[in-house]
């Protein structure tokens, strides 16, 4: 069981940088959407 948990933890750790990039991108888009009058920003997110 521990080896399975370690394998899963390793996979999650290896995917964290990509997830962080997704969060940063979504945050930037959302910040632009807040100040924009264009509806497509909200539809895009």
PDB file of N, CA and C in Angstrom:
ATOM      1  N   UNK A   1       0.817  -1.189   0.000  1.00  0.00           N
ATOM      2  CA  UNK A   1       0.000   0.000   0.000  1.00  0.00           C
ATOM      3  C   UNK A   1       0.863   1.255   0.000  1.00  0.00           C
ATOM      4  N   UNK A   2       1.936   1.254   0.802  1.00  0.00           N
ATOM      5  CA  UNK A   2       2.800   2.431   0.863  1.00  0.00           C
ATOM      6  C   UNK A   2       3.445   2.735  -0.482  1.00  0.00           C
ATOM      7  N   UNK A   3       3.821   1.689  -1.207  1.00  0.00           N
ATOM      8  CA  UNK A   3       4.455   1.915  -2.513  1.00  0.00           C
ATOM      9  C   UNK A   3       3.467   2.541  -3.490  1.00  0.00           C
ATOM     10  N   UNK A   4       2.197   2.162  -3.402  1.00  0.00           N
ATOM     11  CA  UNK A   4       1.173   2.751  -4.260  1.00  0.00           C
ATOM     12  C   UNK A   4       1.010   4.236  -3.921  1.00  0.00           C
ATOM     13  N   UNK A   5       0.968   4.540  -2.632  1.00  0.00           N
ATOM     14  CA  UNK A   5       0.834   5.938  -2.194  1.00  0.00           C
ATOM     15  C   UNK A   5       2.037   6.755  -2.633  1.00  0.00           C
ATOM     16  N   UNK A   6       3.215   6.184  -2.530  1.00  0.00           N
ATOM     17  CA  UNK A   6       4.427   6.894  -2.963  1.00  0.00           C
ATOM     18  C   UNK A   6       4.400   7.156  -4.464  1.00  0.00           C
ATOM     19  N   UNK A   7       3.940   6.193  -5.213  1.00  0.00           N
ATOM     20  CA  UNK A   7       3.857   6.370  -6.660  1.00  0.00           C
ATOM     21  C   UNK A   7       2.868   7.475  -7.014  1.00  0.00           C
ATOM     22  N   UNK A   8       1.749   7.482  -6.354  1.00  0.00           N
ATOM     23  CA  UNK A   8       0.748   8.524  -6.603  1.00  0.00           C
ATOM     24  C   UNK A   8       1.291   9.892  -6.192  1.00  0.00           C
ATOM     25  N   UNK A   9       1.934   9.954  -5.044  1.00  0.00           N
ATOM     26  CA  UNK A   9       2.516  11.216  -4.579  1.00  0.00           C
ATOM     27  C   UNK A   9       3.576  11.724  -5.555  1.00  0.00           C
ATOM     28  N   UNK A  10       4.369  10.835  -6.082  1.00  0.00           N
ATOM     29  CA  UNK A  10       5.386  11.215  -7.066  1.00  0.00           C
ATOM     30  C   UNK A  10       4.767  11.757  -8.330  1.00  0.00           C
ATOM     31  N   UNK A  11       3.706  11.135  -8.763  1.00  0.00           N
ATOM     32  CA  UNK A  11       3.030  11.612  -9.972  1.00  0.00           C
ATOM     33  C   UNK A  11       2.433  13.000  -9.736  1.00  0.00           C
ATOM     34  N   UNK A  12       1.817  13.192  -8.598  1.00  0.00           N
ATOM     35  CA  UNK A  12       1.240  14.502  -8.277  1.00  0.00           C
ATOM     36  C   UNK A  12       2.346  15.560  -8.236  1.00  0.00           C
ATOM     37  N   UNK A  13       3.454  15.236  -7.574  1.00  0.00           N
ATOM     38  CA  UNK A  13       4.580  16.172  -7.497  1.00  0.00           C
ATOM     39  C   UNK A  13       5.090  16.544  -8.883  1.00  0.00           C
ATOM     40  N   UNK A  14       5.154  15.589  -9.769  1.00  0.00           N
ATOM     41  CA  UNK A  14       5.672  15.863 -11.108  1.00  0.00           C
ATOM     42  C   UNK A  14       4.704  16.711 -11.935  1.00  0.00           C
ATOM     43  N   UNK A  15       3.424  16.692 -11.587  1.00  0.00           N
ATOM     44  CA  UNK A  15       2.421  17.468 -12.331  1.00  0.00           C
ATOM     45  C   UNK A  15       2.165  18.850 -11.727  1.00  0.00           C
ATOM     46  N   UNK A  16       2.686  19.112 -10.548  1.00  0.00           N
ATOM     47  CA  UNK A  16       2.445  20.397  -9.892  1.00  0.00           C
ATOM     48  C   UNK A  16       2.902  21.608 -10.709  1.00  0.00           C
ATOM     49  N   UNK A  17       4.070  21.585 -11.339  1.00  0.00           N
ATOM     50  CA  UNK A  17       4.470  22.756 -12.127  1.00  0.00           C
ATOM     51  C   UNK A  17       3.477  23.080 -13.257  1.00  0.00           C
ATOM     52  N   UNK A  18       2.982  22.053 -13.924  1.00  0.00           N
ATOM     53  CA  UNK A  18       2.009  22.279 -14.996  1.00  0.00           C
ATOM     54  C   UNK A  18       0.698  22.831 -14.434  1.00  0.00           C
ATOM     55  N   UNK A  19       0.266  22.299 -13.308  1.00  0.00           N
ATOM     56  CA  UNK A  19      -0.950  22.813 -12.674  1.00  0.00           C
ATOM     57  C   UNK A  19      -0.772  24.263 -12.248  1.00  0.00           C
ATOM     58  N   UNK A  20       0.402  24.611 -11.759  1.00  0.00           N
ATOM     59  CA  UNK A  20       0.679  25.995 -11.365  1.00  0.00           C
ATOM     60  C   UNK A  20       0.591  26.923 -12.574  1.00  0.00           C
ATOM     61  N   UNK A  21       1.082  26.473 -13.724  1.00  0.00           N
ATOM     62  CA  UNK A  21       0.988  27.279 -14.949  1.00  0.00           C
ATOM     63  C   UNK A  21      -0.469  27.492 -15.354  1.00  0.00           C
ATOM     64  N   UNK A  22      -1.281  26.463 -15.228  1.00  0.00           N
ATOM     65  CA  UNK A  22      -2.704  26.579 -15.568  1.00  0.00           C
ATOM     66  C   UNK A  22      -3.386  27.592 -14.652  1.00  0.00           C
ATOM     67  N   UNK A  23      -3.074  27.525 -13.369  1.00  0.00           N
ATOM     68  CA  UNK A  23      -3.665  28.463 -12.411  1.00  0.00           C
ATOM     69  C   UNK A  23      -3.221  29.888 -12.722  1.00  0.00           C
ATOM     70  N   UNK A  24      -1.942  30.090 -13.019  1.00  0.00           N
ATOM     71  CA  UNK A  24      -1.441  31.421 -13.345  1.00  0.00           C
ATOM     72  C   UNK A  24      -2.113  31.971 -14.595  1.00  0.00           C
ATOM     73  N   UNK A  25      -2.264  31.132 -15.598  1.00  0.00           N
ATOM     74  CA  UNK A  25      -2.903  31.559 -16.848  1.00  0.00           C
ATOM     75  C   UNK A  25      -4.365  31.925 -16.611  1.00  0.00           C
ATOM     76  N   UNK A  26      -5.072  31.100 -15.878  1.00  0.00           N
ATOM     77  CA  UNK A  26      -6.478  31.377 -15.587  1.00  0.00           C
ATOM     78  C   UNK A  26      -6.612  32.660 -14.764  1.00  0.00           C
ATOM     79  N   UNK A  27      -5.697  32.881 -13.849  1.00  0.00           N
ATOM     80  CA  UNK A  27      -5.722  34.096 -13.036  1.00  0.00           C
ATOM     81  C   UNK A  27      -5.510  35.328 -13.900  1.00  0.00           C
ATOM     82  N   UNK A  28      -4.530  35.282 -14.799  1.00  0.00           N
ATOM     83  CA  UNK A  28      -4.284  36.423 -15.695  1.00  0.00           C
ATOM     84  C   UNK A  28      -5.501  36.710 -16.560  1.00  0.00           C
ATOM     85  N   UNK A  29      -6.100  35.663 -17.119  1.00  0.00           N
ATOM     86  CA  UNK A  29      -7.276  35.841 -17.983  1.00  0.00           C
ATOM     87  C   UNK A  29      -8.429  36.424 -17.175  1.00  0.00           C
ATOM     88  N   UNK A  30      -8.634  35.912 -15.972  1.00  0.00           N
ATOM     89  CA  UNK A  30      -9.734  36.401 -15.143  1.00  0.00           C
ATOM     90  C   UNK A  30      -9.516  37.863 -14.767  1.00  0.00           C
ATOM     91  N   UNK A  31      -8.278  38.240 -14.449  1.00  0.00           N
ATOM     92  CA  UNK A  31      -7.985  39.631 -14.104  1.00  0.00           C
ATOM     93  C   UNK A  31      -8.283  40.560 -15.276  1.00  0.00           C
ATOM     94  N   UNK A  32      -7.991  40.125 -16.487  1.00  0.00           N
ATOM     95  CA  UNK A  32      -8.333  40.923 -17.676  1.00  0.00           C
ATOM     96  C   UNK A  32      -9.833  40.989 -17.861  1.00  0.00           C
ATOM     97  N   UNK A  33     -10.520  39.890 -17.583  1.00  0.00           N
ATOM     98  CA  UNK A  33     -11.970  39.842 -17.757  1.00  0.00           C
ATOM     99  C   UNK A  33     -12.677  40.796 -16.804  1.00  0.00           C
ATOM    100  N   UNK A  34     -12.147  40.940 -15.610  1.00  0.00           N
ATOM    101  CA  UNK A  34     -12.772  41.799 -14.605  1.00  0.00           C
ATOM    102  C   UNK A  34     -12.816  43.250 -15.077  1.00  0.00           C
ATOM    103  N   UNK A  35     -11.776  43.696 -15.757  1.00  0.00           N
ATOM    104  CA  UNK A  35     -11.719  45.093 -16.195  1.00  0.00           C
ATOM    105  C   UNK A  35     -12.195  45.287 -17.630  1.00  0.00           C
ATOM    106  N   UNK A  36     -12.512  44.225 -18.313  1.00  0.00           N
ATOM    107  CA  UNK A  36     -12.925  44.302 -19.711  1.00  0.00           C
ATOM    108  C   UNK A  36     -14.442  44.400 -19.831  1.00  0.00           C
ATOM    109  N   UNK A  37     -14.878  45.067 -20.886  1.00  0.00           N
ATOM    110  CA  UNK A  37     -16.312  45.130 -21.168  1.00  0.00           C
ATOM    111  C   UNK A  37     -16.728  44.058 -22.181  1.00  0.00           C
ATOM    112  N   UNK A  38     -15.764  43.282 -22.650  1.00  0.00           N
ATOM    113  CA  UNK A  38     -16.062  42.230 -23.626  1.00  0.00           C
ATOM    114  C   UNK A  38     -16.562  40.970 -22.928  1.00  0.00           C
ATOM    115  N   UNK A  39     -17.683  40.459 -23.360  1.00  0.00           N
ATOM    116  CA  UNK A  39     -18.264  39.257 -22.768  1.00  0.00           C
ATOM    117  C   UNK A  39     -17.443  38.002 -23.022  1.00  0.00           C
ATOM    118  N   UNK A  40     -16.702  37.985 -24.126  1.00  0.00           N
ATOM    119  CA  UNK A  40     -15.995  36.747 -24.483  1.00  0.00           C
ATOM    120  C   UNK A  40     -14.949  36.351 -23.465  1.00  0.00           C
ATOM    121  N   UNK A  41     -14.441  37.283 -22.674  1.00  0.00           N
ATOM    122  CA  UNK A  41     -13.472  36.913 -21.651  1.00  0.00           C
ATOM    123  C   UNK A  41     -14.087  35.929 -20.653  1.00  0.00           C
ATOM    124  N   UNK A  42     -15.274  36.218 -20.194  1.00  0.00           N
ATOM    125  CA  UNK A  42     -15.922  35.344 -19.218  1.00  0.00           C
ATOM    126  C   UNK A  42     -16.300  34.018 -19.864  1.00  0.00           C
ATOM    127  N   UNK A  43     -16.749  34.042 -21.091  1.00  0.00           N
ATOM    128  CA  UNK A  43     -17.088  32.810 -21.803  1.00  0.00           C
ATOM    129  C   UNK A  43     -15.854  31.936 -22.014  1.00  0.00           C
ATOM    130  N   UNK A  44     -14.709  32.561 -22.221  1.00  0.00           N
ATOM    131  CA  UNK A  44     -13.462  31.846 -22.471  1.00  0.00           C
ATOM    132  C   UNK A  44     -12.995  31.096 -21.232  1.00  0.00           C
ATOM    133  N   UNK A  45     -13.117  31.734 -20.083  1.00  0.00           N
ATOM    134  CA  UNK A  45     -12.664  31.136 -18.835  1.00  0.00           C
ATOM    135  C   UNK A  45     -13.648  30.082 -18.453  1.00  0.00           C
TER     136      UNK A  45
END
